[in-house]
């Protein structure tokens, strides 16, 4: 019985340790890729909201953008300009919460304006869904605002988010 074939306990433990090391290297990269994908989706969603608002103003809004507050996104969904997920209340998509604010035009005084923001749902720990807030307003310029981080893993530990009507004062312009 000295010719038995198989693996010893030490050999199996070495394989388990190697798999653990590979997992420890790969998992942070996968989480970073997921956060990056969530941020890309948030930017895309805000650009969709901007285009939908322009269409709504020209067709259904009589010169105004959709209703102020959460109902504004629901208005866009009701006329088929955005999907039901983005138009839901609360509006959450791909790990981001979306908010909307608008101001109607006043004849001879103010033009109609709007602003929309996307903020990560989770801002702490390894389950963070994003590291930046995003905003877009009537002019179509996308603004990014980095959320304050303090740890070495670049995990979000606080937010400096602002409301949609004043978003962008501390952000970085991403282009239009």
Protein backbone atom coordinates (compact mmCIF):
# COMPACT_ATOMS: atom_id res chain seq x y z
CA UNK A 1 0.00 0.00 0.00
CA UNK A 2 2.97 2.37 -0.31
CA UNK A 3 2.04 3.26 -3.91
CA UNK A 4 -1.17 5.15 -3.02
CA UNK A 5 -1.69 8.21 -5.20
CA UNK A 6 -3.24 11.51 -4.02
CA UNK A 7 -2.44 14.83 -2.44
CA UNK A 8 -1.10 15.37 1.04
CA UNK A 9 -2.72 17.83 3.43
CA UNK A 10 0.21 20.24 3.04
CA UNK A 11 -0.16 20.30 -0.74
CA UNK A 12 -3.89 21.06 -0.46
CA UNK A 13 -3.22 23.86 2.05
CA UNK A 14 -0.65 25.42 -0.30
CA UNK A 15 -3.20 25.44 -3.13
CA UNK A 16 -5.81 27.05 -0.85
CA UNK A 17 -3.30 29.76 0.20
CA UNK A 18 -2.42 30.49 -3.45
CA UNK A 19 -6.11 30.83 -4.34
CA UNK A 20 -6.57 33.17 -1.35
CA UNK A 21 -3.67 35.37 -2.49
CA UNK A 22 -5.07 35.58 -6.02
CA UNK A 23 -8.51 36.49 -4.65
CA UNK A 24 -7.00 39.18 -2.38
CA UNK A 25 -5.38 40.76 -5.42
CA UNK A 26 -8.40 40.49 -7.76
CA UNK A 27 -11.33 41.52 -5.52
CA UNK A 28 -10.31 45.19 -4.98
CA UNK A 29 -9.85 45.59 -8.74
CA UNK A 30 -13.31 44.12 -9.38
CA UNK A 31 -14.89 46.49 -6.84
CA UNK A 32 -13.12 49.48 -8.43
CA UNK A 33 -14.37 48.39 -11.86
CA UNK A 34 -17.94 48.18 -10.52
CA UNK A 35 -17.70 51.69 -9.02
CA UNK A 36 -16.35 53.00 -12.31
CA UNK A 37 -19.20 51.35 -14.24
CA UNK A 38 -21.75 52.86 -11.82
CA UNK A 39 -20.24 56.32 -12.36
CA UNK A 40 -20.35 55.89 -16.14
CA UNK A 41 -23.99 54.87 -15.92
CA UNK A 42 -24.77 57.92 -13.75
CA UNK A 43 -23.19 60.27 -16.30
CA UNK A 44 -25.11 58.60 -19.11
CA UNK A 45 -28.38 58.84 -17.15
CA UNK A 46 -27.85 62.55 -16.52
CA UNK A 47 -27.17 63.17 -20.21
CA UNK A 48 -30.40 61.27 -20.97
CA UNK A 49 -32.30 63.48 -18.50
CA UNK A 50 -30.83 66.59 -20.16
CA UNK A 51 -31.93 65.51 -23.64
CA UNK A 52 -35.34 64.48 -22.35
CA UNK A 53 -35.80 67.87 -20.67
CA UNK A 54 -35.00 69.71 -23.90
CA UNK A 55 -37.57 67.59 -25.74
CA UNK A 56 -40.15 68.03 -22.96
CA UNK A 57 -39.71 71.82 -22.98
CA UNK A 58 -40.23 71.97 -26.73
CA UNK A 59 -43.17 69.56 -26.91
CA UNK A 60 -45.12 69.14 -23.64
CA UNK A 61 -43.85 71.87 -21.35
CA UNK A 62 -45.02 75.00 -23.18
CA UNK A 63 -41.56 76.52 -22.62
CA UNK A 64 -41.07 75.06 -19.15
CA UNK A 65 -39.17 71.99 -18.05
CA UNK A 66 -40.89 69.17 -16.16
CA UNK A 67 -42.27 69.65 -12.63
CA UNK A 68 -39.88 70.60 -9.83
CA UNK A 69 -38.77 67.80 -7.49
CA UNK A 70 -39.14 64.01 -7.81
CA UNK A 71 -42.29 64.40 -9.92
CA UNK A 72 -40.16 65.99 -12.66
CA UNK A 73 -38.53 62.70 -13.58
CA UNK A 74 -41.90 60.94 -13.35
CA UNK A 75 -43.27 63.50 -15.84
CA UNK A 76 -40.54 62.56 -18.30
CA UNK A 77 -41.26 58.85 -17.86
CA UNK A 78 -45.00 59.41 -18.31
CA UNK A 79 -44.48 60.86 -21.80
CA UNK A 80 -41.93 58.18 -22.73
CA UNK A 81 -38.78 60.32 -22.73
CA UNK A 82 -36.93 58.28 -20.07
CA UNK A 83 -37.35 54.74 -18.77
CA UNK A 84 -39.45 53.82 -15.76
CA UNK A 85 -36.42 53.04 -13.60
CA UNK A 86 -34.99 56.53 -13.96
CA UNK A 87 -38.45 58.06 -13.71
CA UNK A 88 -39.40 56.22 -10.51
CA UNK A 89 -39.72 57.94 -7.13
CA UNK A 90 -37.18 57.60 -5.63
CA UNK A 91 -35.10 57.52 -8.77
CA UNK A 92 -32.26 55.02 -8.33
CA UNK A 93 -30.23 53.37 -11.04
CA UNK A 94 -26.88 51.51 -11.04
CA UNK A 95 -26.02 52.45 -7.47
CA UNK A 96 -26.87 56.15 -7.84
CA UNK A 97 -29.79 58.26 -6.58
CA UNK A 98 -31.04 60.97 -8.94
CA UNK A 99 -32.64 64.26 -7.93
CA UNK A 100 -34.21 66.96 -10.05
CA UNK A 101 -35.11 70.63 -9.60
CA UNK A 102 -36.63 73.09 -12.05
CA UNK A 103 -37.76 76.67 -12.13
CA UNK A 104 -40.45 77.86 -14.56
CA UNK A 105 -39.89 80.87 -16.77
CA UNK A 106 -41.22 84.25 -15.77
CA UNK A 107 -42.11 86.47 -18.72
CA UNK A 108 -39.50 89.19 -19.13
CA UNK A 109 -37.65 88.18 -15.93
CA UNK A 110 -36.24 84.63 -15.80
CA UNK A 111 -35.83 81.86 -18.36
CA UNK A 112 -36.86 78.32 -17.43
CA UNK A 113 -34.00 76.37 -15.82
CA UNK A 114 -33.37 72.90 -14.40
CA UNK A 115 -30.67 70.90 -12.71
CA UNK A 116 -30.30 67.18 -12.02
CA UNK A 117 -27.81 65.37 -9.78
CA UNK A 118 -26.66 61.80 -9.33
CA UNK A 119 -25.26 60.79 -5.93
CA UNK A 120 -23.92 57.36 -4.87
CA UNK A 121 -26.33 55.26 -2.81
CA UNK A 122 -23.53 53.92 -0.62
CA UNK A 123 -20.55 56.09 0.19
CA UNK A 124 -18.62 53.99 2.70
CA UNK A 125 -16.81 50.68 2.88
CA UNK A 126 -16.11 48.15 0.19
CA UNK A 127 -19.71 48.31 -0.99
CA UNK A 128 -19.39 51.98 -2.05
CA UNK A 129 -21.27 52.49 -5.31
CA UNK A 130 -19.32 55.58 -6.38
CA UNK A 131 -16.72 58.17 -5.41
CA UNK A 132 -18.16 61.20 -7.20
CA UNK A 133 -21.39 63.18 -7.37
CA UNK A 134 -22.47 64.31 -10.83
CA UNK A 135 -24.70 67.12 -11.96
CA UNK A 136 -26.03 68.67 -15.14
CA UNK A 137 -28.06 71.80 -15.66
CA UNK A 138 -29.87 73.67 -18.40
CA UNK A 139 -26.67 74.55 -20.28
CA UNK A 140 -25.76 70.84 -20.63
CA UNK A 141 -22.39 71.05 -18.89
CA UNK A 142 -21.67 67.93 -16.82
CA UNK A 143 -20.02 68.64 -13.46
CA UNK A 144 -18.27 66.10 -11.22
CA UNK A 145 -17.69 66.58 -7.51
CA UNK A 146 -15.28 64.24 -5.73
CA UNK A 147 -16.59 63.01 -2.40
CA UNK A 148 -14.13 63.49 0.47
CA UNK A 149 -11.94 60.43 1.10
CA UNK A 150 -9.46 59.87 3.90
CA UNK A 151 -8.36 56.27 3.85
CA UNK A 152 -5.59 54.62 1.85
CA UNK A 153 -8.00 52.42 -0.14
CA UNK A 154 -9.79 55.46 -1.59
CA UNK A 155 -13.07 54.35 -0.04
CA UNK A 156 -15.58 57.13 0.36
CA UNK A 157 -16.02 58.38 3.93
CA UNK A 158 -18.19 61.45 3.56
CA UNK A 159 -20.17 63.47 1.12
CA UNK A 160 -20.19 67.10 0.09
CA UNK A 161 -23.29 66.73 -2.06
CA UNK A 162 -25.39 69.77 -2.74
CA UNK A 163 -28.97 70.09 -3.89
CA UNK A 164 -29.65 70.11 -7.64
CA UNK A 165 -30.45 73.81 -7.84
CA UNK A 166 -27.00 74.84 -6.57
CA UNK A 167 -24.90 71.90 -7.76
CA UNK A 168 -21.53 72.54 -9.33
CA UNK A 169 -20.12 75.37 -7.23
CA UNK A 170 -17.26 73.13 -6.06
CA UNK A 171 -17.22 70.63 -8.90
CA UNK A 172 -15.07 70.05 -11.94
CA UNK A 173 -16.53 70.61 -15.40
CA UNK A 174 -16.47 67.38 -17.41
CA UNK A 175 -17.49 68.83 -20.78
CA UNK A 176 -20.73 69.07 -22.64
